[in-house]
């Protein structure tokens, strides 16, 4: 009988008796080798897992560092784009401001030029120039000169719209006066002017004579008047 005990010796595994020659021979089972020893298992575990844990930790750390790097790149790109947009907005604002100032300057210049031209071409009121008065305390006001640009005018009997009306310019100077009063064709004030100056008026061209009387004054005190007479002839 075969003994399966691993500590049995070869003698123990020998058959109990040698069969007789007349008995059939029985085959013996092959001898089995003992199984290889099992490697020791670490305490508290099911096998050698320390290397796997280290690899897992290393992989997790690499993933975390890679994610942080990607986030940093995205943040830097956003900051750069924001700075570029701010610079573009500032440049556009500066350009718009410069354009607005240039347009305002051009408009102001155009308005000034238009106003000056209008003042020259549309003036219809009598023009007058005045010099400072020369007065002496207690002295009476007086005319030192009173002249006219012309005293005789010739005009067409038939009105012609293409012919500009004729003008009369009166000039004067005074002494001890603060102003003068002009009367046309008789008593009654036409207008007051400065003590010295000139005035341009439309000339009466109606075939009649007309008078222009100038009287100097200083407050309520008046001086001697002077008169200029003009005539006109129709042809």
Foldseek 3Di string as FASTA:
>chain_A
DADPPPPDDPVVRDDPDDDDPVDDDDDDDDDDDDDDDDDDADPPDDHPCPVVVVVVVVVVVVVVVVVVVVVVVVVVVVVVVVVVVVVVVVVVVVVVVVVVVVVVVVVVVVVVVVVVVCCVPVDDAKDKDADDAAADPPDAKDWPDKDKPAFEAEEAPDDDPVDDFDKMKIWTAMHNFQWKFKDKADDDGPDIGGRGMMIMDGDDAPQAKMKIKMWTHHVPGIDDIDMGMHGHHHD
